PDB file of N, CA and C in Angstrom:
ATOM      1  N   MET A   1     -62.358  -2.561  76.002  1.00  0.00           N
ATOM      2  CA  MET A   1     -61.593  -3.616  75.389  1.00  0.00           C
ATOM      3  C   MET A   1     -61.317  -4.700  76.415  1.00  0.00           C
ATOM      4  N   SER A   2     -61.498  -5.905  75.989  1.00  0.00           N
ATOM      5  CA  SER A   2     -61.446  -7.011  76.933  1.00  0.00           C
ATOM      6  C   SER A   2     -60.019  -7.433  77.255  1.00  0.00           C
ATOM      7  N   GLY A   3     -59.877  -8.242  78.321  1.00  0.00           N
ATOM      8  CA  GLY A   3     -58.571  -8.701  78.765  1.00  0.00           C
ATOM      9  C   GLY A   3     -58.042  -9.842  77.921  1.00  0.00           C
ATOM     10  N   ASP A   4     -58.834 -10.892  77.746  1.00  0.00           N
ATOM     11  CA  ASP A   4     -58.403 -12.017  76.923  1.00  0.00           C
ATOM     12  C   ASP A   4     -59.285 -12.075  75.690  1.00  0.00           C
ATOM     13  N   ALA A   5     -58.696 -11.725  74.569  1.00  0.00           N
ATOM     14  CA  ALA A   5     -59.423 -11.635  73.307  1.00  0.00           C
ATOM     15  C   ALA A   5     -58.506 -12.164  72.213  1.00  0.00           C
ATOM     16  N   THR A   6     -58.934 -12.007  71.001  1.00  0.00           N
ATOM     17  CA  THR A   6     -58.051 -12.293  69.876  1.00  0.00           C
ATOM     18  C   THR A   6     -57.443 -10.970  69.428  1.00  0.00           C
ATOM     19  N   ILE A   7     -56.129 -10.894  69.542  1.00  0.00           N
ATOM     20  CA  ILE A   7     -55.405  -9.694  69.141  1.00  0.00           C
ATOM     21  C   ILE A   7     -54.785  -9.951  67.772  1.00  0.00           C
ATOM     22  N   VAL A   8     -54.963  -8.985  66.878  1.00  0.00           N
ATOM     23  CA  VAL A   8     -54.412  -9.085  65.531  1.00  0.00           C
ATOM     24  C   VAL A   8     -53.268  -8.087  65.408  1.00  0.00           C
ATOM     25  N   LEU A   9     -52.090  -8.599  65.073  1.00  0.00           N
ATOM     26  CA  LEU A   9     -50.940  -7.736  64.836  1.00  0.00           C
ATOM     27  C   LEU A   9     -50.819  -7.494  63.338  1.00  0.00           C
ATOM     28  N   MET A  10     -50.630  -6.230  62.986  1.00  0.00           N
ATOM     29  CA  MET A  10     -50.422  -5.868  61.589  1.00  0.00           C
ATOM     30  C   MET A  10     -49.022  -5.286  61.449  1.00  0.00           C
ATOM     31  N   TRP A  11     -48.312  -5.754  60.459  1.00  0.00           N
ATOM     32  CA  TRP A  11     -46.949  -5.314  60.148  1.00  0.00           C
ATOM     33  C   TRP A  11     -46.957  -4.911  58.684  1.00  0.00           C
ATOM     34  N   GLU A  12     -46.560  -3.672  58.381  1.00  0.00           N
ATOM     35  CA  GLU A  12     -46.615  -3.200  56.995  1.00  0.00           C
ATOM     36  C   GLU A  12     -45.326  -2.467  56.649  1.00  0.00           C
ATOM     37  N   ALA A  13     -44.770  -2.802  55.491  1.00  0.00           N
ATOM     38  CA  ALA A  13     -43.543  -2.169  55.020  1.00  0.00           C
ATOM     39  C   ALA A  13     -43.665  -1.862  53.535  1.00  0.00           C
ATOM     40  N   ARG A  14     -42.916  -0.858  53.107  1.00  0.00           N
ATOM     41  CA  ARG A  14     -42.870  -0.498  51.688  1.00  0.00           C
ATOM     42  C   ARG A  14     -41.456  -0.744  51.182  1.00  0.00           C
ATOM     43  N   ALA A  15     -41.364  -1.508  50.111  1.00  0.00           N
ATOM     44  CA  ALA A  15     -40.060  -1.890  49.570  1.00  0.00           C
ATOM     45  C   ALA A  15     -39.402  -0.743  48.824  1.00  0.00           C
ATOM     46  N   ALA A  16     -38.097  -0.769  48.824  1.00  0.00           N
ATOM     47  CA  ALA A  16     -37.324   0.152  47.993  1.00  0.00           C
ATOM     48  C   ALA A  16     -37.587  -0.193  46.531  1.00  0.00           C
ATOM     49  N   GLU A  17     -37.340   0.753  45.655  1.00  0.00           N
ATOM     50  CA  GLU A  17     -37.575   0.585  44.220  1.00  0.00           C
ATOM     51  C   GLU A  17     -36.995  -0.732  43.704  1.00  0.00           C
ATOM     52  N   GLY A  18     -37.865  -1.543  43.079  1.00  0.00           N
ATOM     53  CA  GLY A  18     -37.437  -2.784  42.472  1.00  0.00           C
ATOM     54  C   GLY A  18     -37.204  -3.944  43.429  1.00  0.00           C
ATOM     55  N   ARG A  19     -37.542  -3.759  44.721  1.00  0.00           N
ATOM     56  CA  ARG A  19     -37.255  -4.811  45.700  1.00  0.00           C
ATOM     57  C   ARG A  19     -38.514  -5.392  46.334  1.00  0.00           C
ATOM     58  N   GLY A  20     -39.663  -5.192  45.687  1.00  0.00           N
ATOM     59  CA  GLY A  20     -40.930  -5.688  46.221  1.00  0.00           C
ATOM     60  C   GLY A  20     -40.961  -7.191  46.390  1.00  0.00           C
ATOM     61  N   GLY A  21     -40.500  -7.919  45.394  1.00  0.00           N
ATOM     62  CA  GLY A  21     -40.471  -9.381  45.484  1.00  0.00           C
ATOM     63  C   GLY A  21     -39.563  -9.862  46.595  1.00  0.00           C
ATOM     64  N   GLU A  22     -38.443  -9.214  46.741  1.00  0.00           N
ATOM     65  CA  GLU A  22     -37.497  -9.565  47.806  1.00  0.00           C
ATOM     66  C   GLU A  22     -38.113  -9.334  49.188  1.00  0.00           C
ATOM     67  N   LEU A  23     -38.784  -8.188  49.359  1.00  0.00           N
ATOM     68  CA  LEU A  23     -39.434  -7.909  50.643  1.00  0.00           C
ATOM     69  C   LEU A  23     -40.544  -8.915  50.911  1.00  0.00           C
ATOM     70  N   LEU A  24     -41.327  -9.251  49.905  1.00  0.00           N
ATOM     71  CA  LEU A  24     -42.409 -10.217  50.068  1.00  0.00           C
ATOM     72  C   LEU A  24     -41.858 -11.574  50.522  1.00  0.00           C
ATOM     73  N   GLU A  25     -40.807 -12.045  49.887  1.00  0.00           N
ATOM     74  CA  GLU A  25     -40.228 -13.338  50.268  1.00  0.00           C
ATOM     75  C   GLU A  25     -39.587 -13.278  51.652  1.00  0.00           C
ATOM     76  N   TRP A  26     -38.964 -12.158  51.986  1.00  0.00           N
ATOM     77  CA  TRP A  26     -38.382 -11.976  53.315  1.00  0.00           C
ATOM     78  C   TRP A  26     -39.482 -12.078  54.377  1.00  0.00           C
ATOM     79  N   ALA A  27     -40.594 -11.359  54.152  1.00  0.00           N
ATOM     80  CA  ALA A  27     -41.699 -11.364  55.112  1.00  0.00           C
ATOM     81  C   ALA A  27     -42.327 -12.753  55.215  1.00  0.00           C
ATOM     82  N   ARG A  28     -42.455 -13.441  54.095  1.00  0.00           N
ATOM     83  CA  ARG A  28     -43.014 -14.801  54.102  1.00  0.00           C
ATOM     84  C   ARG A  28     -42.152 -15.713  54.980  1.00  0.00           C
ATOM     85  N   ALA A  29     -40.852 -15.666  54.792  1.00  0.00           N
ATOM     86  CA  ALA A  29     -39.950 -16.513  55.578  1.00  0.00           C
ATOM     87  C   ALA A  29     -39.993 -16.146  57.057  1.00  0.00           C
ATOM     88  N   ARG A  30     -39.927 -14.866  57.376  1.00  0.00           N
ATOM     89  CA  ARG A  30     -39.920 -14.445  58.782  1.00  0.00           C
ATOM     90  C   ARG A  30     -41.245 -14.758  59.483  1.00  0.00           C
ATOM     91  N   SER A  31     -42.344 -14.724  58.754  1.00  0.00           N
ATOM     92  CA  SER A  31     -43.641 -14.992  59.387  1.00  0.00           C
ATOM     93  C   SER A  31     -43.779 -16.456  59.794  1.00  0.00           C
ATOM     94  N   THR A  32     -42.968 -17.319  59.211  1.00  0.00           N
ATOM     95  CA  THR A  32     -43.004 -18.735  59.609  1.00  0.00           C
ATOM     96  C   THR A  32     -41.962 -19.057  60.675  1.00  0.00           C
ATOM     97  N   GLU A  33     -41.151 -18.080  61.041  1.00  0.00           N
ATOM     98  CA  GLU A  33     -40.084 -18.274  62.032  1.00  0.00           C
ATOM     99  C   GLU A  33     -40.384 -17.600  63.363  1.00  0.00           C
ATOM    100  N   LEU A  34     -41.632 -17.209  63.608  1.00  0.00           N
ATOM    101  CA  LEU A  34     -41.977 -16.549  64.873  1.00  0.00           C
ATOM    102  C   LEU A  34     -41.724 -17.485  66.050  1.00  0.00           C
ATOM    103  N   ALA A  35     -41.498 -16.915  67.213  1.00  0.00           N
ATOM    104  CA  ALA A  35     -41.172 -17.705  68.411  1.00  0.00           C
ATOM    105  C   ALA A  35     -42.258 -18.710  68.757  1.00  0.00           C
ATOM    106  N   ARG A  36     -43.493 -18.414  68.398  1.00  0.00           N
ATOM    107  CA  ARG A  36     -44.579 -19.383  68.535  1.00  0.00           C
ATOM    108  C   ARG A  36     -45.573 -19.167  67.405  1.00  0.00           C
ATOM    109  N   GLU A  37     -46.402 -20.145  67.196  1.00  0.00           N
ATOM    110  CA  GLU A  37     -47.317 -20.157  66.054  1.00  0.00           C
ATOM    111  C   GLU A  37     -48.591 -19.370  66.365  1.00  0.00           C
ATOM    112  N   PRO A  38     -48.959 -18.406  65.509  1.00  0.00           N
ATOM    113  CA  PRO A  38     -50.231 -17.706  65.706  1.00  0.00           C
ATOM    114  C   PRO A  38     -51.408 -18.611  65.332  1.00  0.00           C
ATOM    115  N   ALA A  39     -52.591 -18.231  65.764  1.00  0.00           N
ATOM    116  CA  ALA A  39     -53.792 -18.986  65.394  1.00  0.00           C
ATOM    117  C   ALA A  39     -54.047 -18.886  63.892  1.00  0.00           C
ATOM    118  N   ARG A  40     -53.638 -17.767  63.317  1.00  0.00           N
ATOM    119  CA  ARG A  40     -53.842 -17.527  61.885  1.00  0.00           C
ATOM    120  C   ARG A  40     -52.805 -16.515  61.416  1.00  0.00           C
ATOM    121  N   ARG A  41     -52.456 -16.570  60.149  1.00  0.00           N
ATOM    122  CA  ARG A  41     -51.540 -15.579  59.575  1.00  0.00           C
ATOM    123  C   ARG A  41     -51.930 -15.325  58.130  1.00  0.00           C
ATOM    124  N   GLU A  42     -51.756 -14.087  57.687  1.00  0.00           N
ATOM    125  CA  GLU A  42     -51.997 -13.739  56.281  1.00  0.00           C
ATOM    126  C   GLU A  42     -50.887 -12.838  55.796  1.00  0.00           C
ATOM    127  N   LEU A  43     -50.513 -13.028  54.560  1.00  0.00           N
ATOM    128  CA  LEU A  43     -49.495 -12.220  53.904  1.00  0.00           C
ATOM    129  C   LEU A  43     -50.151 -11.583  52.691  1.00  0.00           C
ATOM    130  N   LEU A  44     -50.071 -10.251  52.594  1.00  0.00           N
ATOM    131  CA  LEU A  44     -50.732  -9.537  51.508  1.00  0.00           C
ATOM    132  C   LEU A  44     -49.760  -8.555  50.869  1.00  0.00           C
ATOM    133  N   ARG A  45     -50.059  -8.158  49.636  1.00  0.00           N
ATOM    134  CA  ARG A  45     -49.265  -7.114  49.006  1.00  0.00           C
ATOM    135  C   ARG A  45     -50.203  -6.094  48.386  1.00  0.00           C
ATOM    136  N   ALA A  46     -49.654  -4.895  48.145  1.00  0.00           N
ATOM    137  CA  ALA A  46     -50.448  -3.791  47.624  1.00  0.00           C
ATOM    138  C   ALA A  46     -49.583  -2.981  46.662  1.00  0.00           C
ATOM    139  N   PRO A  47     -50.210  -2.059  45.926  1.00  0.00           N
ATOM    140  CA  PRO A  47     -49.431  -1.198  45.039  1.00  0.00           C
ATOM    141  C   PRO A  47     -48.293  -0.505  45.797  1.00  0.00           C
ATOM    142  N   GLN A  48     -47.340  -0.027  45.041  1.00  0.00           N
ATOM    143  CA  GLN A  48     -46.145   0.645  45.567  1.00  0.00           C
ATOM    144  C   GLN A  48     -45.274  -0.313  46.367  1.00  0.00           C
ATOM    145  N   ASP A  49     -45.330  -1.602  46.005  1.00  0.00           N
ATOM    146  CA  ASP A  49     -44.498  -2.633  46.648  1.00  0.00           C
ATOM    147  C   ASP A  49     -44.636  -2.649  48.163  1.00  0.00           C
ATOM    148  N   ARG A  50     -45.879  -2.520  48.634  1.00  0.00           N
ATOM    149  CA  ARG A  50     -46.139  -2.628  50.069  1.00  0.00           C
ATOM    150  C   ARG A  50     -46.469  -4.071  50.417  1.00  0.00           C
ATOM    151  N   VAL A  51     -45.998  -4.507  51.582  1.00  0.00           N
ATOM    152  CA  VAL A  51     -46.234  -5.863  52.075  1.00  0.00           C
ATOM    153  C   VAL A  51     -46.864  -5.755  53.450  1.00  0.00           C
ATOM    154  N   LEU A  52     -47.899  -6.554  53.677  1.00  0.00           N
ATOM    155  CA  LEU A  52     -48.620  -6.555  54.944  1.00  0.00           C
ATOM    156  C   LEU A  52     -48.662  -7.975  55.479  1.00  0.00           C
ATOM    157  N   VAL A  53     -48.311  -8.130  56.753  1.00  0.00           N
ATOM    158  CA  VAL A  53     -48.422  -9.419  57.428  1.00  0.00           C
ATOM    159  C   VAL A  53     -49.355  -9.222  58.612  1.00  0.00           C
ATOM    160  N   MET A  54     -50.365 -10.080  58.704  1.00  0.00           N
ATOM    161  CA  MET A  54     -51.301 -10.040  59.831  1.00  0.00           C
ATOM    162  C   MET A  54     -51.223 -11.373  60.552  1.00  0.00           C
ATOM    163  N   THR A  55     -51.141 -11.329  61.877  1.00  0.00           N
ATOM    164  CA  THR A  55     -51.154 -12.546  62.688  1.00  0.00           C
ATOM    165  C   THR A  55     -52.222 -12.405  63.762  1.00  0.00           C
ATOM    166  N   TRP A  56     -52.930 -13.497  64.026  1.00  0.00           N
ATOM    167  CA  TRP A  56     -54.004 -13.533  65.011  1.00  0.00           C
ATOM    168  C   TRP A  56     -53.516 -14.329  66.225  1.00  0.00           C
ATOM    169  N   TRP A  57     -53.718 -13.762  67.416  1.00  0.00           N
ATOM    170  CA  TRP A  57     -53.285 -14.381  68.672  1.00  0.00           C
ATOM    171  C   TRP A  57     -54.481 -14.501  69.599  1.00  0.00           C
ATOM    172  N   GLU A  58     -54.907 -15.731  69.853  1.00  0.00           N
ATOM    173  CA  GLU A  58     -56.084 -15.971  70.690  1.00  0.00           C
ATOM    174  C   GLU A  58     -55.726 -15.888  72.168  1.00  0.00           C
ATOM    175  N   ASP A  59     -56.725 -15.553  72.990  1.00  0.00           N
ATOM    176  CA  ASP A  59     -56.560 -15.436  74.440  1.00  0.00           C
ATOM    177  C   ASP A  59     -55.392 -14.529  74.784  1.00  0.00           C
ATOM    178  N   ALA A  60     -55.367 -13.364  74.160  1.00  0.00           N
ATOM    179  CA  ALA A  60     -54.285 -12.396  74.357  1.00  0.00           C
ATOM    180  C   ALA A  60     -54.867 -11.053  74.758  1.00  0.00           C
ATOM    181  N   SER A  61     -53.987 -10.140  75.123  1.00  0.00           N
ATOM    182  CA  SER A  61     -54.392  -8.763  75.418  1.00  0.00           C
ATOM    183  C   SER A  61     -53.416  -7.819  74.727  1.00  0.00           C
ATOM    184  N   TYR A  62     -53.797  -6.547  74.660  1.00  0.00           N
ATOM    185  CA  TYR A  62     -52.937  -5.550  74.035  1.00  0.00           C
ATOM    186  C   TYR A  62     -51.556  -5.515  74.681  1.00  0.00           C
ATOM    187  N   ALA A  63     -51.488  -5.760  75.970  1.00  0.00           N
ATOM    188  CA  ALA A  63     -50.244  -5.631  76.721  1.00  0.00           C
ATOM    189  C   ALA A  63     -49.320  -6.849  76.584  1.00  0.00           C
ATOM    190  N   ASP A  64     -49.826  -7.950  76.047  1.00  0.00           N
ATOM    191  CA  ASP A  64     -49.011  -9.165  75.946  1.00  0.00           C
ATOM    192  C   ASP A  64     -47.802  -8.962  75.027  1.00  0.00           C
ATOM    193  N   ASP A  65     -46.729  -9.644  75.365  1.00  0.00           N
ATOM    194  CA  ASP A  65     -45.523  -9.660  74.543  1.00  0.00           C
ATOM    195  C   ASP A  65     -45.711 -10.733  73.478  1.00  0.00           C
ATOM    196  N   LEU A  66     -46.192 -10.331  72.314  1.00  0.00           N
ATOM    197  CA  LEU A  66     -46.493 -11.269  71.234  1.00  0.00           C
ATOM    198  C   LEU A  66     -45.377 -11.229  70.188  1.00  0.00           C
ATOM    199  N   PRO A  67     -45.074 -12.365  69.566  1.00  0.00           N
ATOM    200  CA  PRO A  67     -44.017 -12.396  68.547  1.00  0.00           C
ATOM    201  C   PRO A  67     -44.378 -11.527  67.343  1.00  0.00           C
ATOM    202  N   GLU A  68     -43.455 -10.687  66.948  1.00  0.00           N
ATOM    203  CA  GLU A  68     -43.660  -9.808  65.796  1.00  0.00           C
ATOM    204  C   GLU A  68     -42.508  -9.952  64.816  1.00  0.00           C
ATOM    205  N   LEU A  69     -42.765  -9.625  63.576  1.00  0.00           N
ATOM    206  CA  LEU A  69     -41.699  -9.618  62.587  1.00  0.00           C
ATOM    207  C   LEU A  69     -40.726  -8.490  62.913  1.00  0.00           C
ATOM    208  N   PRO A  70     -39.438  -8.716  62.668  1.00  0.00           N
ATOM    209  CA  PRO A  70     -38.450  -7.663  62.893  1.00  0.00           C
ATOM    210  C   PRO A  70     -38.455  -6.654  61.752  1.00  0.00           C
ATOM    211  N   GLU A  71     -37.596  -5.667  61.844  1.00  0.00           N
ATOM    212  CA  GLU A  71     -37.377  -4.728  60.745  1.00  0.00           C
ATOM    213  C   GLU A  71     -36.506  -5.419  59.701  1.00  0.00           C
ATOM    214  N   PRO A  72     -36.850  -5.313  58.437  1.00  0.00           N
ATOM    215  CA  PRO A  72     -35.955  -5.832  57.403  1.00  0.00           C
ATOM    216  C   PRO A  72     -34.734  -4.923  57.264  1.00  0.00           C
ATOM    217  N   ASP A  73     -33.756  -5.370  56.532  1.00  0.00           N
ATOM    218  CA  ASP A  73     -32.582  -4.550  56.262  1.00  0.00           C
ATOM    219  C   ASP A  73     -33.021  -3.210  55.687  1.00  0.00           C
ATOM    220  N   ALA A  74     -32.424  -2.138  56.136  1.00  0.00           N
ATOM    221  CA  ALA A  74     -32.822  -0.785  55.729  1.00  0.00           C
ATOM    222  C   ALA A  74     -32.730  -0.577  54.220  1.00  0.00           C
ATOM    223  N   ALA A  75     -31.865  -1.283  53.535  1.00  0.00           N
ATOM    224  CA  ALA A  75     -31.718  -1.123  52.090  1.00  0.00           C
ATOM    225  C   ALA A  75     -32.911  -1.688  51.321  1.00  0.00           C
ATOM    226  N   VAL A  76     -33.716  -2.524  51.961  1.00  0.00           N
ATOM    227  CA  VAL A  76     -34.848  -3.173  51.296  1.00  0.00           C
ATOM    228  C   VAL A  76     -36.125  -2.345  51.403  1.00  0.00           C
ATOM    229  N   ILE A  77     -36.194  -1.428  52.368  1.00  0.00           N
ATOM    230  CA  ILE A  77     -37.419  -0.662  52.611  1.00  0.00           C
ATOM    231  C   ILE A  77     -37.192   0.835  52.417  1.00  0.00           C
ATOM    232  N   THR A  78     -38.294   1.574  52.225  1.00  0.00           N
ATOM    233  CA  THR A  78     -38.206   3.020  51.997  1.00  0.00           C
ATOM    234  C   THR A  78     -38.427   3.827  53.274  1.00  0.00           C
ATOM    235  N   ARG A  79     -38.947   3.175  54.308  1.00  0.00           N
ATOM    236  CA  ARG A  79     -39.267   3.857  55.562  1.00  0.00           C
ATOM    237  C   ARG A  79     -39.358   2.818  56.662  1.00  0.00           C
ATOM    238  N   PRO A  80     -39.387   3.248  57.925  1.00  0.00           N
ATOM    239  CA  PRO A  80     -39.554   2.265  59.004  1.00  0.00           C
ATOM    240  C   PRO A  80     -40.874   1.499  58.850  1.00  0.00           C
ATOM    241  N   VAL A  81     -40.892   0.294  59.358  1.00  0.00           N
ATOM    242  CA  VAL A  81     -42.079  -0.553  59.348  1.00  0.00           C
ATOM    243  C   VAL A  81     -43.179   0.096  60.185  1.00  0.00           C
ATOM    244  N   HIS A  82     -44.420  -0.018  59.724  1.00  0.00           N
ATOM    245  CA  HIS A  82     -45.575   0.418  60.510  1.00  0.00           C
ATOM    246  C   HIS A  82     -46.163  -0.806  61.202  1.00  0.00           C
ATOM    247  N   ARG A  83     -46.548  -0.646  62.467  1.00  0.00           N
ATOM    248  CA  ARG A  83     -47.114  -1.751  63.245  1.00  0.00           C
ATOM    249  C   ARG A  83     -48.362  -1.255  63.981  1.00  0.00           C
ATOM    250  N   TRP A  84     -49.393  -2.114  63.996  1.00  0.00           N
ATOM    251  CA  TRP A  84     -50.608  -1.810  64.729  1.00  0.00           C
ATOM    252  C   TRP A  84     -51.099  -3.061  65.428  1.00  0.00           C
ATOM    253  N   ARG A  85     -51.856  -2.861  66.503  1.00  0.00           N
ATOM    254  CA  ARG A  85     -52.540  -3.964  67.191  1.00  0.00           C
ATOM    255  C   ARG A  85     -54.023  -3.656  67.212  1.00  0.00           C
ATOM    256  N   PHE A  86     -54.809  -4.678  66.924  1.00  0.00           N
ATOM    257  CA  PHE A  86     -56.259  -4.556  66.923  1.00  0.00           C
ATOM    258  C   PHE A  86     -56.850  -5.708  67.708  1.00  0.00           C
ATOM    259  N   GLU A  87     -58.030  -5.497  68.243  1.00  0.00           N
ATOM    260  CA  GLU A  87     -58.782  -6.569  68.873  1.00  0.00           C
ATOM    261  C   GLU A  87     -59.875  -7.018  67.906  1.00  0.00           C
ATOM    262  N   ALA A  88     -59.919  -8.312  67.613  1.00  0.00           N
ATOM    263  CA  ALA A  88     -60.959  -8.851  66.745  1.00  0.00           C
ATOM    264  C   ALA A  88     -62.298  -8.771  67.481  1.00  0.00           C
ATOM    265  N   VAL A  89     -63.309  -8.258  66.806  1.00  0.00           N
ATOM    266  CA  VAL A  89     -64.622  -8.086  67.435  1.00  0.00           C
ATOM    267  C   VAL A  89     -65.708  -8.889  66.745  1.00  0.00           C
ATOM    268  N   GLY A  90     -65.343  -9.702  65.796  1.00  0.00           N
ATOM    269  CA  GLY A  90     -66.248 -10.278  64.971  1.00  0.00           C
ATOM    270  C   GLY A  90     -67.003 -11.448  64.888  1.00  0.00           C
TER     271      GLY A  90
END
């Protein structure tokens, strides 16, 4: 894995019953409030009221301190947020 690459951060949460729309709007707002602007961002949703936010960071490494979405209020989600980092190879 290279030192300076495009690193993709994935943030995924599952909403509490009936709160999928609220979680989606929360994630949309927070993704535009990051400490700095990513090269690209995507907001997705899936069955079971899951919300996924992906941000692309150019000239980065796995070890870099990159801006990430925080945890939403515990009442809005069913479990802790899942987070992953990937290197774009494409």
